[in-house]
Protein backbone atom coordinates (compact mmCIF):
# COMPACT_ATOMS: atom_id res chain seq x y z
CA MET A 1 -8.61 -7.94 -14.47
CA VAL A 2 -10.70 -7.99 -11.28
CA THR A 3 -11.51 -11.51 -10.10
CA PHE A 4 -13.51 -12.68 -7.12
CA GLN A 5 -11.51 -14.73 -4.62
CA GLU A 6 -13.51 -17.59 -3.21
CA ASN A 7 -11.05 -18.05 -0.35
CA TRP A 8 -11.44 -14.47 0.92
CA LEU A 9 -12.49 -15.66 4.38
CA GLN A 10 -9.20 -17.53 4.69
CA VAL A 11 -7.34 -14.44 3.45
CA LEU A 12 -8.91 -12.38 6.24
CA GLN A 13 -7.50 -14.82 8.78
CA THR A 14 -3.90 -14.40 7.64
CA THR A 15 -1.36 -12.59 9.82
CA PHE A 16 -0.92 -9.65 7.48
CA MET A 17 -4.67 -9.09 7.35
CA GLN A 18 -4.90 -9.20 11.15
CA HIS A 19 -2.09 -6.65 11.36
CA ALA A 20 -3.91 -4.50 8.82
CA LEU A 21 -7.14 -4.71 10.82
CA ILE A 22 -5.49 -3.79 14.13
CA GLY A 23 -3.29 -1.06 12.67
CA GLY A 24 -6.06 0.41 10.55
CA SER A 25 -8.42 0.45 13.53
CA MET A 26 -5.94 2.38 15.65
CA VAL A 27 -5.42 4.91 12.87
CA ALA A 28 -9.19 5.25 12.39
CA LEU A 29 -9.67 5.88 16.11
CA ALA A 30 -7.01 8.60 16.28
CA ALA A 31 -8.08 10.19 12.99
CA GLY A 32 -11.75 10.18 13.95
CA LEU A 33 -11.07 11.91 17.26
CA MET A 34 -8.85 14.55 15.65
CA GLY A 35 -11.18 15.20 12.71
CA TRP A 36 -13.60 17.59 14.47
CA PHE A 37 -10.71 19.80 15.57
CA VAL A 38 -9.14 19.71 12.11
CA VAL A 39 -12.34 20.93 10.45
CA THR A 40 -13.38 23.40 13.17
CA ARG A 41 -9.91 24.95 13.47
CA GLN A 42 -9.67 25.19 9.65
CA ASN A 43 -6.59 22.96 9.69
CA ALA A 44 -7.50 20.77 6.72
CA PHE A 45 -4.69 22.32 4.69
CA ALA A 46 -2.27 21.79 7.59
CA ALA A 47 -3.26 18.11 7.81
CA HIS A 48 -2.71 17.69 4.08
CA ALA A 49 0.58 19.60 4.27
CA LEU A 50 1.88 17.53 7.18
CA ALA A 51 1.54 14.39 5.09
CA HIS A 52 3.68 15.97 2.37
CA ILE A 53 6.09 17.38 4.95
CA GLY A 54 6.52 13.82 6.21
CA PHE A 55 7.36 12.62 2.68
CA PRO A 56 11.04 13.70 2.78
CA GLY A 57 11.30 12.09 6.20
CA ALA A 58 10.04 8.80 4.81
CA THR A 59 12.19 8.93 1.66
CA GLY A 60 15.19 10.03 3.71
CA ALA A 61 14.67 7.07 6.04
CA ILE A 62 14.48 4.75 3.03
CA LEU A 63 17.69 6.29 1.70
CA VAL A 64 19.69 5.65 4.90
CA GLY A 65 17.98 2.39 5.83
CA ALA A 66 16.12 3.73 8.88
CA PRO A 67 12.51 2.85 9.78
CA VAL A 68 10.03 4.75 7.63
CA THR A 69 7.83 5.45 10.66
CA LEU A 70 10.73 7.19 12.39
CA GLY A 71 11.42 9.43 9.41
CA LEU A 72 7.75 10.29 9.05
CA ALA A 73 7.37 11.08 12.74
CA VAL A 74 10.46 13.32 12.90
CA PHE A 75 9.46 15.41 9.90
CA CYS A 76 5.73 15.51 10.68
CA VAL A 77 6.24 16.52 14.32
CA GLY A 78 9.04 18.94 13.43
CA GLY A 79 6.93 20.53 10.70
CA GLY A 80 3.93 20.64 12.99
CA LEU A 81 5.91 22.44 15.69
CA LEU A 82 7.12 25.02 13.17
CA ILE A 83 3.58 25.58 11.88
CA GLY A 84 2.23 25.90 15.42
CA LEU A 85 4.93 28.30 16.57
CA LEU A 86 5.01 30.47 13.44
CA GLY A 87 1.29 30.73 12.77
CA LYS A 88 -0.89 32.05 15.58
CA ARG A 89 -3.65 33.39 13.33
CA VAL A 90 -5.23 31.43 10.48
CA ALA A 91 -3.66 33.69 7.83
CA ASP A 92 -0.20 33.43 9.40
CA ARG A 93 -0.61 29.67 9.78
CA GLU A 94 -1.49 29.31 6.09
CA VAL A 95 1.64 31.20 5.04
CA ALA A 96 3.86 29.23 7.43
CA THR A 97 2.32 25.95 6.30
CA GLY A 98 2.74 26.74 2.61
CA THR A 99 6.35 27.83 3.06
CA ILE A 100 7.35 24.77 5.08
CA LEU A 101 5.45 22.54 2.65
CA ALA A 102 7.35 23.97 -0.33
CA PHE A 103 10.73 23.37 1.32
CA ALA A 104 9.76 19.85 2.44
CA THR A 105 8.51 18.97 -1.04
CA GLY A 106 11.84 20.02 -2.49
CA LEU A 107 13.65 17.80 0.00
CA GLY A 108 11.28 14.96 -0.81
CA VAL A 109 12.05 15.22 -4.53
CA LEU A 110 15.79 15.21 -3.76
CA PHE A 111 15.64 12.20 -1.44
CA ALA A 112 13.31 10.29 -3.77
CA SER A 113 15.67 10.81 -6.70
CA LEU A 114 18.60 9.55 -4.63
CA ALA A 115 16.61 6.51 -3.48
CA THR A 116 15.76 5.28 -6.97
CA ALA A 117 16.59 1.70 -6.00
CA ASN A 118 13.69 1.80 -3.57
CA ALA A 119 11.03 3.14 -5.94
CA SER A 120 8.44 0.68 -4.63
CA SER A 121 8.96 1.96 -1.08
CA THR A 122 8.51 5.54 -2.28
CA THR A 123 5.26 4.55 -4.02
CA THR A 124 4.06 2.98 -0.77
CA VAL A 125 4.63 6.28 1.05
CA LEU A 126 2.57 8.11 -1.57
CA PHE A 127 -0.36 5.67 -1.69
CA GLY A 128 -0.06 3.68 1.53
CA ASN A 129 0.09 -0.06 2.09
CA LEU A 130 -2.23 -1.20 4.84
CA LEU A 131 -1.30 -4.82 4.17
CA ALA A 132 2.39 -4.24 4.94
CA ILE A 133 2.02 -3.15 8.57
CA SER A 134 4.56 -5.06 10.67
CA THR A 135 4.44 -6.12 14.30
CA ASP A 136 6.92 -3.39 15.22
CA GLN A 137 4.72 -0.79 13.52
CA LEU A 138 1.72 -2.03 15.49
CA TRP A 139 3.57 -1.31 18.73
CA VAL A 140 4.45 2.17 17.49
CA PHE A 141 0.87 2.78 16.33
CA GLY A 142 -0.37 1.63 19.73
CA GLY A 143 1.91 4.10 21.51
CA PHE A 144 0.88 6.96 19.22
CA THR A 145 -2.81 6.14 19.62
CA LEU A 146 -2.57 6.02 23.40
CA LEU A 147 -0.76 9.35 23.37
CA VAL A 148 -3.38 10.99 21.14
CA VAL A 149 -6.35 9.62 23.10
CA GLY A 150 -4.75 10.35 26.48
CA ALA A 151 -3.77 13.89 25.52
CA LEU A 152 -7.25 14.63 24.15
CA ALA A 153 -8.78 13.34 27.38
CA VAL A 154 -6.73 15.97 29.24
CA ILE A 155 -6.98 18.98 26.93
CA ALA A 156 -10.29 18.37 25.12
CA ARG A 157 -12.40 20.88 27.07
CA PRO A 158 -10.08 23.90 26.74
CA LEU A 159 -9.14 22.85 23.19
CA VAL A 160 -12.79 22.83 22.14
CA PHE A 161 -13.22 26.31 23.67
CA ALA A 162 -10.08 27.58 21.94
CA SER A 163 -11.18 26.03 18.63
CA VAL A 164 -14.70 27.50 18.67
CA ASP A 165 -13.86 31.02 19.91
CA PRO A 166 -10.11 31.58 20.33
CA ALA A 167 -10.43 35.30 21.10
CA VAL A 168 -12.82 34.77 24.00
CA ALA A 169 -10.87 31.76 25.21
CA GLU A 170 -7.65 33.76 25.29
CA ALA A 171 -9.38 36.61 27.11
CA ARG A 172 -10.47 34.13 29.78
CA GLY A 173 -6.94 32.90 30.32
CA VAL A 174 -7.03 29.74 28.21
CA PRO A 175 -3.50 29.07 26.82
CA VAL A 176 -4.65 29.19 23.20
CA ARG A 177 -1.16 29.26 21.68
CA ALA A 178 0.10 26.32 23.76
CA LEU A 179 -3.04 24.32 22.97
CA GLY A 180 -2.56 25.05 19.28
CA VAL A 181 0.98 23.69 19.38
CA ALA A 182 -0.13 20.63 21.35
CA PHE A 183 -2.92 20.00 18.85
CA ILE A 184 -0.65 20.25 15.82
CA VAL A 185 1.77 17.76 17.41
CA LEU A 186 -1.08 15.31 18.03
CA LEU A 187 -2.19 15.85 14.45
CA ALA A 188 1.35 15.14 13.26
CA LEU A 189 1.37 11.81 15.12
CA THR A 190 -2.01 10.93 13.61
CA VAL A 191 -0.80 11.85 10.13
CA THR A 192 2.33 9.74 10.65
CA MET A 193 0.11 6.69 11.16
CA ALA A 194 -2.49 7.54 8.53
CA VAL A 195 0.12 8.02 5.79
CA GLN A 196 1.17 4.39 6.22
CA VAL A 197 -2.45 3.24 5.83
CA VAL A 198 -3.80 5.36 2.97
CA GLY A 199 -0.69 7.22 1.82
CA THR A 200 0.28 10.85 1.51
CA LEU A 201 -2.06 11.53 -1.42
CA LEU A 202 -5.15 9.91 0.13
CA LEU A 203 -4.78 11.21 3.69
CA PHE A 204 -8.05 13.19 3.70
CA ALA A 205 -10.00 9.93 3.55
CA LEU A 206 -9.38 9.22 7.24
CA VAL A 207 -8.40 12.54 8.81
CA VAL A 208 -10.92 14.96 7.29
CA THR A 209 -13.71 13.18 5.36
CA PRO A 210 -15.28 11.19 8.26
CA ALA A 211 -15.47 14.30 10.45
CA ALA A 212 -16.85 16.37 7.56
CA ALA A 213 -19.59 13.77 7.07
CA ALA A 214 -20.34 13.67 10.81
CA LEU A 215 -20.60 17.45 10.98
CA ARG A 216 -23.45 17.30 8.47
CA MET A 217 -25.44 15.35 11.05
CA THR A 218 -24.60 17.02 14.37
CA ALA A 219 -22.63 19.90 15.88
CA ARG A 220 -21.93 18.27 19.25
CA PRO A 221 -18.17 17.59 19.49
CA GLY A 222 -18.66 14.28 21.31
CA MET A 223 -21.18 13.01 18.77
CA VAL A 224 -19.05 14.20 15.85
CA ALA A 225 -16.08 12.34 17.30
CA ALA A 226 -18.12 9.16 17.80
CA LEU A 227 -19.59 9.30 14.29
CA ALA A 228 -16.25 10.14 12.69
CA VAL A 229 -14.58 7.21 14.44
CA ALA A 230 -17.43 4.92 13.36
CA ILE A 231 -17.18 6.07 9.73
CA ALA A 232 -13.40 5.70 9.70
CA LEU A 233 -13.55 2.26 11.33
CA GLY A 234 -16.28 1.12 8.95
CA SER A 235 -14.27 2.32 5.96
CA VAL A 236 -11.16 0.44 7.11
CA TRP A 237 -12.95 -2.78 8.06
CA LEU A 238 -15.17 -2.99 4.98
CA GLY A 239 -12.29 -1.84 2.80
CA LEU A 240 -10.20 -4.77 4.00
CA VAL A 241 -13.04 -7.22 3.36
CA LEU A 242 -13.55 -5.92 -0.18
CA SER A 243 -9.80 -6.01 -0.77
CA ALA A 244 -9.69 -9.66 0.28
CA MET A 245 -12.64 -10.47 -1.97
CA VAL A 246 -11.20 -9.06 -5.20
CA ASN A 247 -7.46 -8.81 -4.44
CA LEU A 248 -7.17 -5.05 -4.97
CA PRO A 249 -5.35 -2.46 -2.80
CA PRO A 250 -7.33 -1.67 0.36
CA SER A 251 -6.41 2.03 0.16
CA PHE A 252 -8.74 2.40 -2.81
CA PHE A 253 -11.67 0.88 -0.94
CA VAL A 254 -10.98 2.74 2.32
CA THR A 255 -10.88 6.04 0.48
CA SER A 256 -13.90 5.28 -1.70
CA LEU A 257 -16.06 4.18 1.24
CA ALA A 258 -15.23 7.29 3.29
CA VAL A 259 -15.97 9.57 0.35
CA LEU A 260 -19.17 7.66 -0.46
CA THR A 261 -20.36 8.15 3.12
CA TRP A 262 -19.66 11.86 2.86
CA VAL A 263 -21.55 12.12 -0.45
CA VAL A 264 -24.54 10.26 1.02
CA THR A 265 -24.65 12.59 4.05
CA LEU A 266 -24.53 15.58 1.69
CA LEU A 267 -27.50 14.23 -0.23
CA VAL A 268 -29.48 13.31 2.87
CA THR A 269 -28.83 16.67 4.56
CA ARG A 270 -28.87 18.83 1.41
CA ASP A 271 -31.77 20.94 2.72
CA ARG A 272 -30.00 21.73 5.97
CA THR A 273 -27.44 24.40 6.70
CA PRO A 274 -24.10 22.79 7.66
CA ARG A 275 -24.14 22.30 11.40
CA GLY A 276 -20.87 24.00 12.11
CA ALA A 277 -22.03 27.18 10.33
CA THR A 278 -25.01 28.06 12.53
CA GLU A 279 -24.63 25.95 15.65
CA PRO A 280 -21.24 26.57 17.23
CA ALA A 281 -20.29 23.71 19.47
CA THR A 282 -20.52 24.82 23.08
CA ASP A 283 -20.61 21.51 24.86
CA PRO A 284 -17.07 20.10 25.03
CA ALA A 285 -17.92 17.79 27.91
CA PRO A 286 -18.83 14.69 25.88
CA LEU A 287 -15.44 14.62 24.17
CA ALA A 288 -13.61 15.34 27.40
CA VAL A 289 -15.39 12.58 29.26
CA HIS A 290 -15.38 10.02 26.45
CA PRO A 291 -12.22 10.64 24.39
CA ALA A 292 -12.71 7.46 22.45
CA GLY A 293 -16.13 8.48 21.19
């Protein structure tokens, strides 16, 4: 039964809530910045697959007593590198992603069955537990976030060009293949963090949905990044407040708020053609200059 907690303000001041706020904010920042590239490069399936590819890494880490973040990162980055190296074109990338996903899922089932004593930990990997972020994880999240933001600040301009028109970009000497691999690694790091906030099954809520909503309002990469970060941050912050008020899992609220924002933008912009369909982004400068939105 859902009950209102009168002491929710005190709950928000607890250490675990502060960790959740800081960790969730870092994930929202990284996910918001990566979202435009995920949607524009048609990598939504890859983002979803990376979360599942990370699942055997997480369950394997639980099985041997290693940090879950380490297992997630190894499998997500390793899977991302394979996808980037094996799939140059969209069609090839889809096949490579599906194949690697199938193998990783099989491993995940095996490791999960062997780690039956840690069923609660496995459930956390699937659905996330924003309230269980530790101090050590915050340091790791901070390092990952700095790496994602710093790398985007360096490669944003050519990556935008390669994402919008890869054929022309390659003809002009832009290292499209190398940028694709770099992007998928950054995405893997973002997924590693996001899985621990909203879980493998709810990953889209932070990595894809905010950017999809932002793209209904503008086609400018910098503005999309800023709006996506704002939507993701708002979903995390308000989700934590609602969770404290009624003592329910924050993942539900974070996901619901992000999806609700997307639905509202669809309704408000229903008479418009989706921005990305008719107005290719040609101004990468805002994202390159202001990587944090």
